[in-house]
Amino acid sequence: MIDVSLGIAVILITAFGYFSNFLNWRYLNYRIIRLLYYVGAIVHETSHAILCILTGSRIQEFTVFSDQPHVVHGKSKLPFLGELLISLAPIAGGLFFLFLINHFCLKDYFVIPQFSIEESWQNILLGPLKLLSQINLLRWQSWVMIFLSFNAGAMLGPSVRDLKNVWPALIILLFIKSPFLTGICLAALSLIFANIILQVAVILILKVLSIIWPWR
């Protein structure tokens, strides 16, 4: 059984999301990866914007196509809770986006793992492998999911700025355990893990190719 608080789950998503982004910018800084990053950024920032609207927070600036995509907004009409929902919106928003693509565009080609706190960490770590095992490079659906999920870190992971905006609430979340919400966070974490495995595989392939066929 996984005995983890909601706050710890959010911190893990943020940390591994940043690690995923680091791999992209350090080792996979190619035009196609940068374009895919903006797909993740659009979903991320749109999730913030939607929660701003739902919680009565006025959007002052919405920027995606820049080095630092962001949403600047006023105070929410829901004190404390509104800011928390806005900051953590990308976790649910990114998952919902991938679900919609998988369900309506790919006709449920992928079975996305679902988790609960009753799961063991072993099952959580095997989740990404189960997801990746469904990939068939001869099917276009697999390529769509690969491209969309290649920036899962940017899509799903709250930024450090997001957490700074709600750090008092984050401290409280460290002591809150919610099976439903924790399950959502673990699903997001699993997708980020799957993305990191893909990134590492591509990095290793490129390294091997650069040795066999030097590009310079």
N, C-alpha and C. Protein backbone atom coordinates (compact mmCIF):
# COMPACT_ATOMS: atom_id res chain seq x y z
N MET A 1 0.84 -1.20 0.00
CA MET A 1 0.00 0.00 0.00
C MET A 1 0.88 1.25 0.00
N ILE A 2 0.50 2.24 -0.81
CA ILE A 2 1.27 3.47 -0.90
C ILE A 2 0.74 4.48 0.11
N ASP A 3 1.56 4.83 1.06
CA ASP A 3 1.18 5.78 2.10
C ASP A 3 1.84 7.12 1.78
N VAL A 4 1.24 7.85 0.84
CA VAL A 4 1.83 9.11 0.39
C VAL A 4 0.78 10.19 0.43
N SER A 5 1.18 11.38 0.87
CA SER A 5 0.25 12.49 0.96
C SER A 5 0.10 13.14 -0.41
N LEU A 6 -0.94 13.93 -0.54
CA LEU A 6 -1.20 14.63 -1.80
C LEU A 6 -0.07 15.61 -2.10
N GLY A 7 0.46 16.25 -1.06
CA GLY A 7 1.56 17.20 -1.25
C GLY A 7 2.81 16.54 -1.79
N ILE A 8 3.15 15.36 -1.27
CA ILE A 8 4.33 14.63 -1.75
C ILE A 8 4.13 14.23 -3.21
N ALA A 9 2.91 13.81 -3.57
CA ALA A 9 2.63 13.42 -4.95
C ALA A 9 2.83 14.60 -5.89
N VAL A 10 2.37 15.78 -5.48
CA VAL A 10 2.53 16.98 -6.30
C VAL A 10 4.01 17.34 -6.46
N ILE A 11 4.76 17.25 -5.38
CA ILE A 11 6.20 17.55 -5.44
C ILE A 11 6.92 16.58 -6.37
N LEU A 12 6.56 15.30 -6.32
CA LEU A 12 7.18 14.31 -7.20
C LEU A 12 6.88 14.61 -8.67
N ILE A 13 5.64 14.97 -8.95
CA ILE A 13 5.26 15.31 -10.33
C ILE A 13 6.08 16.51 -10.81
N THR A 14 6.21 17.51 -9.96
CA THR A 14 6.97 18.71 -10.33
C THR A 14 8.45 18.38 -10.56
N ALA A 15 9.04 17.60 -9.65
CA ALA A 15 10.47 17.28 -9.75
C ALA A 15 10.77 16.47 -11.01
N PHE A 16 10.00 15.41 -11.25
CA PHE A 16 10.27 14.58 -12.43
C PHE A 16 9.84 15.28 -13.72
N GLY A 17 8.87 16.19 -13.62
CA GLY A 17 8.51 17.00 -14.78
C GLY A 17 9.67 17.89 -15.19
N TYR A 18 10.33 18.49 -14.20
CA TYR A 18 11.49 19.33 -14.50
C TYR A 18 12.65 18.50 -15.04
N PHE A 19 12.81 17.29 -14.51
CA PHE A 19 13.87 16.41 -15.01
C PHE A 19 13.62 16.05 -16.47
N SER A 20 12.36 15.79 -16.80
CA SER A 20 12.00 15.49 -18.19
C SER A 20 12.31 16.68 -19.10
N ASN A 21 11.96 17.88 -18.64
CA ASN A 21 12.25 19.09 -19.43
C ASN A 21 13.75 19.28 -19.58
N PHE A 22 14.52 18.99 -18.52
CA PHE A 22 15.97 19.11 -18.58
C PHE A 22 16.55 18.19 -19.65
N LEU A 23 16.07 16.96 -19.72
CA LEU A 23 16.56 16.02 -20.74
C LEU A 23 16.32 16.55 -22.14
N ASN A 24 15.15 17.16 -22.33
CA ASN A 24 14.84 17.71 -23.65
C ASN A 24 15.78 18.85 -24.02
N TRP A 25 15.94 19.81 -23.12
CA TRP A 25 16.73 20.98 -23.45
C TRP A 25 18.24 20.70 -23.45
N ARG A 26 18.68 19.71 -22.69
CA ARG A 26 20.11 19.41 -22.62
C ARG A 26 20.55 18.45 -23.72
N TYR A 27 19.74 17.43 -24.01
CA TYR A 27 20.18 16.39 -24.92
C TYR A 27 19.33 16.26 -26.19
N LEU A 28 18.15 16.82 -26.19
CA LEU A 28 17.25 16.66 -27.34
C LEU A 28 16.76 18.02 -27.83
N ASN A 29 17.66 18.96 -27.88
CA ASN A 29 17.29 20.32 -28.24
C ASN A 29 17.22 20.48 -29.76
N TYR A 30 16.23 19.80 -30.34
CA TYR A 30 16.01 19.85 -31.78
C TYR A 30 14.71 20.60 -32.06
N ARG A 31 14.57 21.05 -33.28
CA ARG A 31 13.41 21.86 -33.64
C ARG A 31 12.09 21.14 -33.36
N ILE A 32 12.01 19.86 -33.72
CA ILE A 32 10.79 19.11 -33.52
C ILE A 32 10.44 19.01 -32.04
N ILE A 33 11.46 18.85 -31.19
CA ILE A 33 11.22 18.76 -29.75
C ILE A 33 10.74 20.10 -29.20
N ARG A 34 11.33 21.19 -29.73
CA ARG A 34 10.88 22.51 -29.29
C ARG A 34 9.44 22.77 -29.68
N LEU A 35 9.06 22.31 -30.88
CA LEU A 35 7.67 22.48 -31.32
C LEU A 35 6.72 21.66 -30.45
N LEU A 36 7.14 20.45 -30.11
CA LEU A 36 6.33 19.61 -29.24
C LEU A 36 6.21 20.21 -27.84
N TYR A 37 7.27 20.89 -27.42
CA TYR A 37 7.23 21.55 -26.10
C TYR A 37 6.09 22.55 -26.04
N TYR A 38 5.86 23.27 -27.14
CA TYR A 38 4.80 24.27 -27.15
C TYR A 38 3.42 23.63 -27.11
N VAL A 39 3.30 22.41 -27.64
CA VAL A 39 2.03 21.70 -27.51
C VAL A 39 1.75 21.45 -26.02
N GLY A 40 2.78 20.98 -25.31
CA GLY A 40 2.63 20.77 -23.87
C GLY A 40 2.36 22.07 -23.15
N ALA A 41 3.04 23.14 -23.57
CA ALA A 41 2.87 24.44 -22.91
C ALA A 41 1.46 24.99 -23.12
N ILE A 42 0.91 24.78 -24.32
CA ILE A 42 -0.46 25.25 -24.60
C ILE A 42 -1.45 24.57 -23.66
N VAL A 43 -1.31 23.25 -23.52
CA VAL A 43 -2.21 22.51 -22.62
C VAL A 43 -2.01 22.97 -21.19
N HIS A 44 -0.76 23.15 -20.78
CA HIS A 44 -0.43 23.57 -19.41
C HIS A 44 -1.05 24.92 -19.09
N GLU A 45 -0.77 25.91 -19.93
CA GLU A 45 -1.24 27.27 -19.65
C GLU A 45 -2.74 27.40 -19.84
N THR A 46 -3.30 26.66 -20.79
CA THR A 46 -4.75 26.69 -20.97
C THR A 46 -5.46 26.12 -19.74
N SER A 47 -4.85 25.10 -19.12
CA SER A 47 -5.42 24.54 -17.90
C SER A 47 -5.47 25.60 -16.80
N HIS A 48 -4.37 26.37 -16.67
CA HIS A 48 -4.37 27.48 -15.71
C HIS A 48 -5.49 28.47 -16.04
N ALA A 49 -5.59 28.82 -17.32
CA ALA A 49 -6.56 29.84 -17.73
C ALA A 49 -8.00 29.40 -17.47
N ILE A 50 -8.30 28.13 -17.76
CA ILE A 50 -9.66 27.63 -17.53
C ILE A 50 -10.03 27.70 -16.05
N LEU A 51 -9.08 27.32 -15.19
CA LEU A 51 -9.37 27.39 -13.74
C LEU A 51 -9.46 28.83 -13.26
N CYS A 52 -8.73 29.74 -13.93
CA CYS A 52 -8.89 31.16 -13.59
C CYS A 52 -10.33 31.59 -13.84
N ILE A 53 -10.86 31.20 -15.00
CA ILE A 53 -12.23 31.57 -15.34
C ILE A 53 -13.23 30.94 -14.37
N LEU A 54 -13.02 29.67 -14.05
CA LEU A 54 -13.96 28.95 -13.18
C LEU A 54 -13.94 29.45 -11.74
N THR A 55 -12.81 30.00 -11.32
CA THR A 55 -12.71 30.49 -9.93
C THR A 55 -12.83 32.01 -9.82
N GLY A 56 -13.17 32.65 -10.95
CA GLY A 56 -13.40 34.09 -10.92
C GLY A 56 -12.14 34.92 -10.84
N SER A 57 -11.04 34.41 -11.36
CA SER A 57 -9.78 35.17 -11.37
C SER A 57 -9.58 35.80 -12.74
N ARG A 58 -9.37 37.08 -12.78
CA ARG A 58 -9.22 37.81 -14.05
C ARG A 58 -7.86 37.51 -14.68
N ILE A 59 -7.88 37.08 -15.94
CA ILE A 59 -6.63 36.79 -16.67
C ILE A 59 -6.06 38.09 -17.21
N GLN A 60 -4.85 38.43 -16.81
CA GLN A 60 -4.21 39.67 -17.23
C GLN A 60 -3.25 39.46 -18.40
N GLU A 61 -2.67 38.26 -18.47
CA GLU A 61 -1.73 37.97 -19.57
C GLU A 61 -1.68 36.47 -19.80
N PHE A 62 -1.73 36.09 -21.08
CA PHE A 62 -1.67 34.68 -21.46
C PHE A 62 -0.59 34.54 -22.53
N THR A 63 0.55 33.93 -22.16
CA THR A 63 1.69 33.83 -23.06
C THR A 63 2.13 32.37 -23.17
N VAL A 64 2.21 31.88 -24.40
CA VAL A 64 2.62 30.50 -24.64
C VAL A 64 3.91 30.43 -25.45
N PHE A 65 3.95 31.16 -26.57
CA PHE A 65 5.08 31.04 -27.49
C PHE A 65 6.22 31.97 -27.07
N SER A 66 6.84 31.61 -25.95
CA SER A 66 8.00 32.35 -25.44
C SER A 66 8.87 31.37 -24.68
N ASP A 67 10.04 31.83 -24.25
CA ASP A 67 10.93 30.97 -23.48
C ASP A 67 10.33 30.63 -22.12
N GLN A 68 9.46 31.49 -21.63
CA GLN A 68 8.82 31.28 -20.33
C GLN A 68 7.30 31.42 -20.47
N PRO A 69 6.62 30.40 -20.97
CA PRO A 69 5.16 30.47 -21.07
C PRO A 69 4.54 30.71 -19.69
N HIS A 70 3.51 31.53 -19.63
CA HIS A 70 2.92 31.81 -18.32
C HIS A 70 1.53 32.43 -18.46
N VAL A 71 0.81 32.40 -17.37
CA VAL A 71 -0.47 33.09 -17.26
C VAL A 71 -0.39 34.01 -16.05
N VAL A 72 -0.64 35.28 -16.27
CA VAL A 72 -0.69 36.25 -15.17
C VAL A 72 -2.16 36.51 -14.87
N HIS A 73 -2.54 36.38 -13.62
CA HIS A 73 -3.95 36.54 -13.27
C HIS A 73 -4.10 37.26 -11.94
N GLY A 74 -5.30 37.76 -11.72
CA GLY A 74 -5.61 38.43 -10.46
C GLY A 74 -6.00 37.44 -9.39
N LYS A 75 -6.47 37.95 -8.28
CA LYS A 75 -6.86 37.09 -7.17
C LYS A 75 -8.15 36.35 -7.49
N SER A 76 -8.21 35.12 -7.05
CA SER A 76 -9.40 34.31 -7.24
C SER A 76 -10.49 34.75 -6.27
N LYS A 77 -11.74 34.56 -6.70
CA LYS A 77 -12.86 34.85 -5.82
C LYS A 77 -13.05 33.76 -4.77
N LEU A 78 -12.29 32.68 -4.92
CA LEU A 78 -12.29 31.62 -3.91
C LEU A 78 -10.96 31.70 -3.16
N PRO A 79 -10.91 32.43 -2.07
CA PRO A 79 -9.65 32.60 -1.34
C PRO A 79 -9.01 31.26 -1.00
N PHE A 80 -7.70 31.22 -1.17
CA PHE A 80 -6.90 30.04 -0.80
C PHE A 80 -7.16 28.87 -1.75
N LEU A 81 -8.40 28.35 -1.79
CA LEU A 81 -8.72 27.19 -2.62
C LEU A 81 -8.58 27.51 -4.11
N GLY A 82 -9.02 28.72 -4.49
CA GLY A 82 -8.94 29.10 -5.90
C GLY A 82 -7.53 29.12 -6.41
N GLU A 83 -6.61 29.73 -5.65
CA GLU A 83 -5.21 29.79 -6.05
C GLU A 83 -4.61 28.40 -6.15
N LEU A 84 -5.00 27.53 -5.23
CA LEU A 84 -4.49 26.15 -5.25
C LEU A 84 -4.95 25.43 -6.51
N LEU A 85 -6.23 25.56 -6.84
CA LEU A 85 -6.77 24.89 -8.02
C LEU A 85 -6.13 25.42 -9.30
N ILE A 86 -5.91 26.72 -9.37
CA ILE A 86 -5.28 27.31 -10.56
C ILE A 86 -3.86 26.79 -10.73
N SER A 87 -3.11 26.74 -9.65
CA SER A 87 -1.71 26.34 -9.72
C SER A 87 -1.54 24.87 -10.08
N LEU A 88 -2.45 24.01 -9.60
CA LEU A 88 -2.32 22.58 -9.85
C LEU A 88 -3.16 22.10 -11.03
N ALA A 89 -3.80 23.03 -11.73
CA ALA A 89 -4.69 22.68 -12.84
C ALA A 89 -4.03 21.83 -13.93
N PRO A 90 -2.74 22.06 -14.27
CA PRO A 90 -2.14 21.28 -15.36
C PRO A 90 -2.13 19.77 -15.13
N ILE A 91 -2.11 19.33 -13.88
CA ILE A 91 -2.10 17.89 -13.61
C ILE A 91 -3.36 17.25 -14.17
N ALA A 92 -4.52 17.81 -13.78
CA ALA A 92 -5.79 17.28 -14.28
C ALA A 92 -6.02 17.66 -15.73
N GLY A 93 -5.64 18.88 -16.10
CA GLY A 93 -5.85 19.34 -17.48
C GLY A 93 -5.07 18.53 -18.48
N GLY A 94 -3.81 18.22 -18.16
CA GLY A 94 -2.99 17.42 -19.08
C GLY A 94 -3.51 16.01 -19.23
N LEU A 95 -3.93 15.40 -18.11
CA LEU A 95 -4.49 14.06 -18.16
C LEU A 95 -5.79 14.05 -18.97
N PHE A 96 -6.63 15.06 -18.77
CA PHE A 96 -7.90 15.13 -19.49
C PHE A 96 -7.66 15.31 -20.98
N PHE A 97 -6.69 16.12 -21.34
CA PHE A 97 -6.35 16.33 -22.75
C PHE A 97 -5.92 15.02 -23.40
N LEU A 98 -5.00 14.29 -22.75
CA LEU A 98 -4.53 13.03 -23.30
C LEU A 98 -5.66 12.00 -23.37
N PHE A 99 -6.55 12.03 -22.37
CA PHE A 99 -7.70 11.13 -22.40
C PHE A 99 -8.60 11.42 -23.60
N LEU A 100 -8.87 12.71 -23.85
CA LEU A 100 -9.73 13.09 -24.98
C LEU A 100 -9.11 12.66 -26.31
N ILE A 101 -7.79 12.89 -26.46
CA ILE A 101 -7.11 12.49 -27.70
C ILE A 101 -7.18 10.98 -27.87
N ASN A 102 -6.91 10.26 -26.80
CA ASN A 102 -6.91 8.80 -26.87
C ASN A 102 -8.32 8.26 -27.16
N HIS A 103 -9.33 8.87 -26.54
CA HIS A 103 -10.70 8.36 -26.68
C HIS A 103 -11.33 8.72 -28.02
N PHE A 104 -11.22 10.00 -28.41
CA PHE A 104 -11.93 10.45 -29.60
C PHE A 104 -11.11 10.35 -30.89
N CYS A 105 -9.81 10.59 -30.80
CA CYS A 105 -8.97 10.56 -32.00
C CYS A 105 -8.35 9.19 -32.25
N LEU A 106 -7.94 8.53 -31.17
CA LEU A 106 -7.27 7.24 -31.31
C LEU A 106 -8.20 6.06 -31.02
N LYS A 107 -9.47 6.37 -30.71
CA LYS A 107 -10.48 5.34 -30.45
C LYS A 107 -10.04 4.36 -29.35
N ASP A 108 -9.54 4.93 -28.26
CA ASP A 108 -9.09 4.14 -27.10
C ASP A 108 -8.04 3.10 -27.47
N TYR A 109 -7.13 3.52 -28.33
CA TYR A 109 -6.04 2.62 -28.75
C TYR A 109 -5.17 2.24 -27.56
N PHE A 110 -4.96 3.20 -26.64
CA PHE A 110 -4.12 2.95 -25.47
C PHE A 110 -4.99 2.76 -24.23
N VAL A 111 -4.56 1.85 -23.37
CA VAL A 111 -5.17 1.68 -22.07
C VAL A 111 -4.28 2.40 -21.07
N ILE A 112 -4.73 3.55 -20.59
CA ILE A 112 -3.92 4.36 -19.68
C ILE A 112 -4.05 3.80 -18.27
N PRO A 113 -2.94 3.47 -17.63
CA PRO A 113 -2.99 2.86 -16.28
C PRO A 113 -3.70 3.75 -15.28
N GLN A 114 -4.45 3.12 -14.39
CA GLN A 114 -5.11 3.82 -13.30
C GLN A 114 -4.56 3.28 -11.99
N PHE A 115 -4.41 4.17 -11.01
CA PHE A 115 -3.78 3.77 -9.76
C PHE A 115 -4.60 4.22 -8.57
N SER A 116 -4.35 3.58 -7.46
CA SER A 116 -4.95 3.98 -6.19
C SER A 116 -3.89 3.79 -5.12
N ILE A 117 -4.15 4.30 -3.93
CA ILE A 117 -3.16 4.19 -2.86
C ILE A 117 -3.01 2.75 -2.38
N GLU A 118 -3.94 1.88 -2.82
CA GLU A 118 -3.80 0.47 -2.45
C GLU A 118 -2.72 -0.23 -3.26
N GLU A 119 -2.27 0.43 -4.35
CA GLU A 119 -1.23 -0.14 -5.18
C GLU A 119 0.10 -0.14 -4.43
N SER A 120 1.02 -0.99 -4.87
CA SER A 120 2.38 -0.98 -4.34
C SER A 120 3.24 -0.10 -5.25
N TRP A 121 4.37 0.35 -4.72
CA TRP A 121 5.26 1.14 -5.56
C TRP A 121 5.76 0.34 -6.75
N GLN A 122 5.85 -0.98 -6.59
CA GLN A 122 6.29 -1.81 -7.71
C GLN A 122 5.32 -1.69 -8.87
N ASN A 123 4.02 -1.71 -8.58
CA ASN A 123 3.03 -1.57 -9.64
C ASN A 123 3.07 -0.19 -10.27
N ILE A 124 3.34 0.82 -9.44
CA ILE A 124 3.43 2.18 -9.97
C ILE A 124 4.59 2.29 -10.95
N LEU A 125 5.72 1.69 -10.60
CA LEU A 125 6.89 1.76 -11.45
C LEU A 125 6.73 0.91 -12.71
N LEU A 126 5.90 -0.15 -12.62
CA LEU A 126 5.65 -0.99 -13.79
C LEU A 126 4.61 -0.36 -14.72
N GLY A 127 3.85 0.60 -14.21
CA GLY A 127 2.82 1.26 -15.01
C GLY A 127 3.34 1.85 -16.30
N PRO A 128 4.44 2.64 -16.26
CA PRO A 128 4.98 3.19 -17.50
C PRO A 128 5.39 2.12 -18.50
N LEU A 129 5.93 1.00 -18.01
CA LEU A 129 6.34 -0.08 -18.91
C LEU A 129 5.13 -0.71 -19.58
N LYS A 130 4.02 -0.83 -18.83
CA LYS A 130 2.80 -1.37 -19.41
C LYS A 130 2.26 -0.45 -20.49
N LEU A 131 2.38 0.85 -20.25
CA LEU A 131 1.94 1.82 -21.25
C LEU A 131 2.81 1.76 -22.50
N LEU A 132 4.12 1.71 -22.29
CA LEU A 132 5.05 1.68 -23.42
C LEU A 132 4.95 0.38 -24.20
N SER A 133 4.57 -0.71 -23.52
CA SER A 133 4.45 -2.00 -24.21
C SER A 133 3.33 -2.00 -25.24
N GLN A 134 2.43 -1.01 -25.15
CA GLN A 134 1.33 -0.93 -26.11
C GLN A 134 1.72 -0.22 -27.40
N ILE A 135 2.92 0.34 -27.42
CA ILE A 135 3.37 1.07 -28.61
C ILE A 135 3.72 0.11 -29.73
N ASN A 136 3.18 0.38 -30.89
CA ASN A 136 3.50 -0.36 -32.12
C ASN A 136 3.93 0.67 -33.15
N LEU A 137 5.21 0.72 -33.45
CA LEU A 137 5.75 1.75 -34.33
C LEU A 137 5.21 1.67 -35.75
N LEU A 138 4.50 0.59 -36.06
CA LEU A 138 3.89 0.47 -37.39
C LEU A 138 2.48 1.07 -37.43
N ARG A 139 1.99 1.52 -36.27
CA ARG A 139 0.64 2.09 -36.21
C ARG A 139 0.74 3.59 -35.96
N TRP A 140 -0.01 4.36 -36.72
CA TRP A 140 0.05 5.82 -36.60
C TRP A 140 -0.41 6.30 -35.22
N GLN A 141 -1.31 5.54 -34.58
CA GLN A 141 -1.77 5.95 -33.26
C GLN A 141 -0.63 6.02 -32.26
N SER A 142 0.32 5.10 -32.39
CA SER A 142 1.46 5.11 -31.48
C SER A 142 2.30 6.36 -31.65
N TRP A 143 2.48 6.78 -32.90
CA TRP A 143 3.30 7.96 -33.15
C TRP A 143 2.61 9.22 -32.63
N VAL A 144 1.29 9.27 -32.75
CA VAL A 144 0.56 10.43 -32.22
C VAL A 144 0.77 10.52 -30.71
N MET A 145 0.62 9.39 -30.02
CA MET A 145 0.78 9.41 -28.57
C MET A 145 2.23 9.71 -28.17
N ILE A 146 3.19 9.19 -28.91
CA ILE A 146 4.60 9.47 -28.62
C ILE A 146 4.87 10.97 -28.73
N PHE A 147 4.41 11.57 -29.83
CA PHE A 147 4.65 12.99 -30.03
C PHE A 147 3.96 13.84 -28.97
N LEU A 148 2.73 13.48 -28.62
CA LEU A 148 2.00 14.27 -27.64
C LEU A 148 2.58 14.12 -26.24
N SER A 149 3.02 12.92 -25.92
CA SER A 149 3.49 12.67 -24.55
C SER A 149 4.97 12.97 -24.37
N PHE A 150 5.66 13.33 -25.47
CA PHE A 150 7.10 13.56 -25.36
C PHE A 150 7.41 14.78 -24.50
N ASN A 151 6.42 15.60 -24.29
CA ASN A 151 6.61 16.73 -23.38
C ASN A 151 5.61 16.66 -22.25
N ALA A 152 5.42 15.44 -21.73
CA ALA A 152 4.50 15.25 -20.61
C ALA A 152 4.93 16.06 -19.39
N GLY A 153 6.25 16.24 -19.22
CA GLY A 153 6.73 17.03 -18.10
C GLY A 153 6.24 18.46 -18.14
N ALA A 154 6.30 19.07 -19.35
CA ALA A 154 5.84 20.44 -19.51
C ALA A 154 4.33 20.52 -19.45
N MET A 155 3.66 19.47 -19.90
CA MET A 155 2.20 19.47 -19.96
C MET A 155 1.57 19.27 -18.59
N LEU A 156 2.08 18.31 -17.83
CA LEU A 156 1.43 17.88 -16.60
C LEU A 156 2.03 18.49 -15.33
N GLY A 157 3.30 18.78 -15.37
CA GLY A 157 3.99 19.19 -14.14
C GLY A 157 3.81 20.65 -13.80
N PRO A 158 3.34 20.96 -12.59
CA PRO A 158 3.32 22.36 -12.14
C PRO A 158 4.74 22.92 -12.12
N SER A 159 4.87 24.18 -12.41
CA SER A 159 6.19 24.80 -12.37
C SER A 159 6.53 25.21 -10.95
N VAL A 160 7.81 25.51 -10.72
CA VAL A 160 8.22 25.99 -9.41
C VAL A 160 7.47 27.28 -9.06
N ARG A 161 7.24 28.11 -10.08
CA ARG A 161 6.48 29.34 -9.86
C ARG A 161 5.07 29.02 -9.37
N ASP A 162 4.47 27.98 -9.97
CA ASP A 162 3.13 27.58 -9.54
C ASP A 162 3.11 27.21 -8.06
N LEU A 163 4.12 26.43 -7.65
CA LEU A 163 4.17 25.99 -6.26
C LEU A 163 4.48 27.15 -5.32
N LYS A 164 5.31 28.10 -5.78
CA LYS A 164 5.62 29.26 -4.95
C LYS A 164 4.36 30.09 -4.67
N ASN A 165 3.45 30.10 -5.66
CA ASN A 165 2.22 30.88 -5.50
C ASN A 165 1.31 30.31 -4.41
N VAL A 166 1.48 29.01 -4.14
CA VAL A 166 0.56 28.37 -3.18
C VAL A 166 1.32 27.58 -2.12
N TRP A 167 2.53 28.03 -1.76
CA TRP A 167 3.33 27.23 -0.84
C TRP A 167 2.66 27.02 0.52
N PRO A 168 1.87 27.98 1.06
CA PRO A 168 1.19 27.65 2.33
C PRO A 168 0.23 26.48 2.17
N ALA A 169 -0.49 26.46 1.03
CA ALA A 169 -1.43 25.36 0.77
C ALA A 169 -0.67 24.06 0.55
N LEU A 170 0.49 24.14 -0.10
CA LEU A 170 1.28 22.94 -0.36
C LEU A 170 1.73 22.30 0.95
N ILE A 171 2.07 23.12 1.93
CA ILE A 171 2.46 22.60 3.24
C ILE A 171 1.29 21.82 3.86
N ILE A 172 0.08 22.38 3.71
CA ILE A 172 -1.10 21.70 4.24
C ILE A 172 -1.33 20.38 3.51
N LEU A 173 -1.10 20.37 2.17
CA LEU A 173 -1.30 19.16 1.38
C LEU A 173 -0.35 18.04 1.80
N LEU A 174 0.77 18.41 2.43
CA LEU A 174 1.71 17.39 2.89
C LEU A 174 1.08 16.49 3.97
N PHE A 175 -0.01 16.97 4.57
CA PHE A 175 -0.65 16.21 5.64
C PHE A 175 -2.03 15.68 5.23
N ILE A 176 -2.37 15.86 3.94
CA ILE A 176 -3.68 15.42 3.45
C ILE A 176 -3.53 14.19 2.57
N LYS A 177 -4.36 13.18 2.81
CA LYS A 177 -4.35 11.97 2.01
C LYS A 177 -5.73 11.76 1.41
N SER A 178 -5.78 11.78 0.09
CA SER A 178 -7.04 11.60 -0.63
C SER A 178 -6.83 10.51 -1.68
N PRO A 179 -7.45 9.34 -1.52
CA PRO A 179 -7.26 8.25 -2.47
C PRO A 179 -7.56 8.66 -3.91
N PHE A 180 -8.65 9.40 -4.13
CA PHE A 180 -9.03 9.79 -5.49
C PHE A 180 -8.01 10.73 -6.11
N LEU A 181 -7.69 11.82 -5.40
CA LEU A 181 -6.77 12.81 -5.93
C LEU A 181 -5.35 12.25 -6.06
N THR A 182 -4.95 11.44 -5.08
CA THR A 182 -3.63 10.82 -5.16
C THR A 182 -3.55 9.88 -6.36
N GLY A 183 -4.65 9.17 -6.65
CA GLY A 183 -4.69 8.30 -7.82
C GLY A 183 -4.48 9.08 -9.11
N ILE A 184 -5.09 10.26 -9.20
CA ILE A 184 -4.90 11.13 -10.38
C ILE A 184 -3.43 11.54 -10.49
N CYS A 185 -2.85 11.94 -9.37
CA CYS A 185 -1.44 12.35 -9.38
C CYS A 185 -0.52 11.20 -9.78
N LEU A 186 -0.81 10.00 -9.30
CA LEU A 186 0.03 8.84 -9.64
C LEU A 186 -0.08 8.50 -11.12
N ALA A 187 -1.27 8.70 -11.71
CA ALA A 187 -1.43 8.48 -13.15
C ALA A 187 -0.57 9.48 -13.93
N ALA A 188 -0.58 10.75 -13.49
CA ALA A 188 0.25 11.76 -14.14
C ALA A 188 1.73 11.43 -13.99
N LEU A 189 2.12 10.98 -12.80
CA LEU A 189 3.51 10.63 -12.55
C LEU A 189 3.93 9.46 -13.43
N SER A 190 3.04 8.50 -13.63
CA SER A 190 3.32 7.35 -14.47
C SER A 190 3.58 7.78 -15.91
N LEU A 191 2.78 8.72 -16.41
CA LEU A 191 2.97 9.20 -17.78
C LEU A 191 4.29 9.94 -17.93
N ILE A 192 4.66 10.70 -16.90
CA ILE A 192 5.95 11.40 -16.95
C ILE A 192 7.09 10.39 -16.93
N PHE A 193 6.97 9.33 -16.11
CA PHE A 193 7.99 8.27 -16.10
C PHE A 193 8.12 7.63 -17.48
N ALA A 194 6.97 7.36 -18.12
CA ALA A 194 6.99 6.77 -19.46
C ALA A 194 7.70 7.69 -20.44
N ASN A 195 7.44 8.98 -20.30
CA ASN A 195 8.09 9.95 -21.17
C ASN A 195 9.60 9.96 -20.95
N ILE A 196 10.03 9.90 -19.69
CA ILE A 196 11.47 9.90 -19.40
C ILE A 196 12.14 8.67 -19.99
N ILE A 197 11.47 7.51 -19.91
CA ILE A 197 12.03 6.29 -20.51
C ILE A 197 12.20 6.47 -22.01
N LEU A 198 11.20 7.06 -22.68
CA LEU A 198 11.30 7.33 -24.11
C LEU A 198 12.46 8.28 -24.40
N GLN A 199 12.58 9.33 -23.60
CA GLN A 199 13.66 10.30 -23.81
C GLN A 199 15.02 9.64 -23.68
N VAL A 200 15.21 8.86 -22.63
CA VAL A 200 16.50 8.19 -22.42
C VAL A 200 16.80 7.24 -23.57
N ALA A 201 15.79 6.52 -24.05
CA ALA A 201 15.99 5.59 -25.17
C ALA A 201 16.44 6.34 -26.42
N VAL A 202 15.78 7.46 -26.72
CA VAL A 202 16.15 8.25 -27.90
C VAL A 202 17.55 8.84 -27.74
N ILE A 203 17.88 9.32 -26.55
CA ILE A 203 19.22 9.88 -26.30
C ILE A 203 20.29 8.82 -26.54
N LEU A 204 20.07 7.61 -26.03
CA LEU A 204 21.04 6.53 -26.22
C LEU A 204 21.17 6.14 -27.68
N ILE A 205 20.06 6.09 -28.39
CA ILE A 205 20.09 5.76 -29.82
C ILE A 205 20.89 6.80 -30.59
N LEU A 206 20.66 8.08 -30.27
CA LEU A 206 21.39 9.14 -30.96
C LEU A 206 22.88 9.10 -30.64
N LYS A 207 23.21 8.74 -29.40
CA LYS A 207 24.62 8.63 -29.01
C LYS A 207 25.31 7.51 -29.79
N VAL A 208 24.61 6.38 -29.90
CA VAL A 208 25.18 5.24 -30.64
C VAL A 208 25.35 5.60 -32.11
N LEU A 209 24.35 6.24 -32.70
CA LEU A 209 24.43 6.63 -34.10
C LEU A 209 25.55 7.63 -34.34
N SER A 210 25.75 8.54 -33.36
CA SER A 210 26.83 9.53 -33.52
C SER A 210 28.21 8.87 -33.49
N ILE A 211 28.31 7.73 -32.81
CA ILE A 211 29.58 6.99 -32.78
C ILE A 211 29.80 6.23 -34.06
N ILE A 212 28.72 5.59 -34.54
CA ILE A 212 28.81 4.78 -35.77
C ILE A 212 28.97 5.67 -36.99
N TRP A 213 28.15 6.72 -37.05
CA TRP A 213 28.21 7.66 -38.17
C TRP A 213 28.39 9.06 -37.61
N PRO A 214 29.64 9.48 -37.38
CA PRO A 214 29.90 10.82 -36.83
C PRO A 214 29.27 11.89 -37.72
N TRP A 215 28.55 12.80 -37.07
CA TRP A 215 27.88 13.85 -37.83
C TRP A 215 28.82 15.01 -38.14
N ARG A 216 29.96 15.04 -37.46
CA ARG A 216 30.91 16.12 -37.70
C ARG A 216 32.22 15.58 -38.22
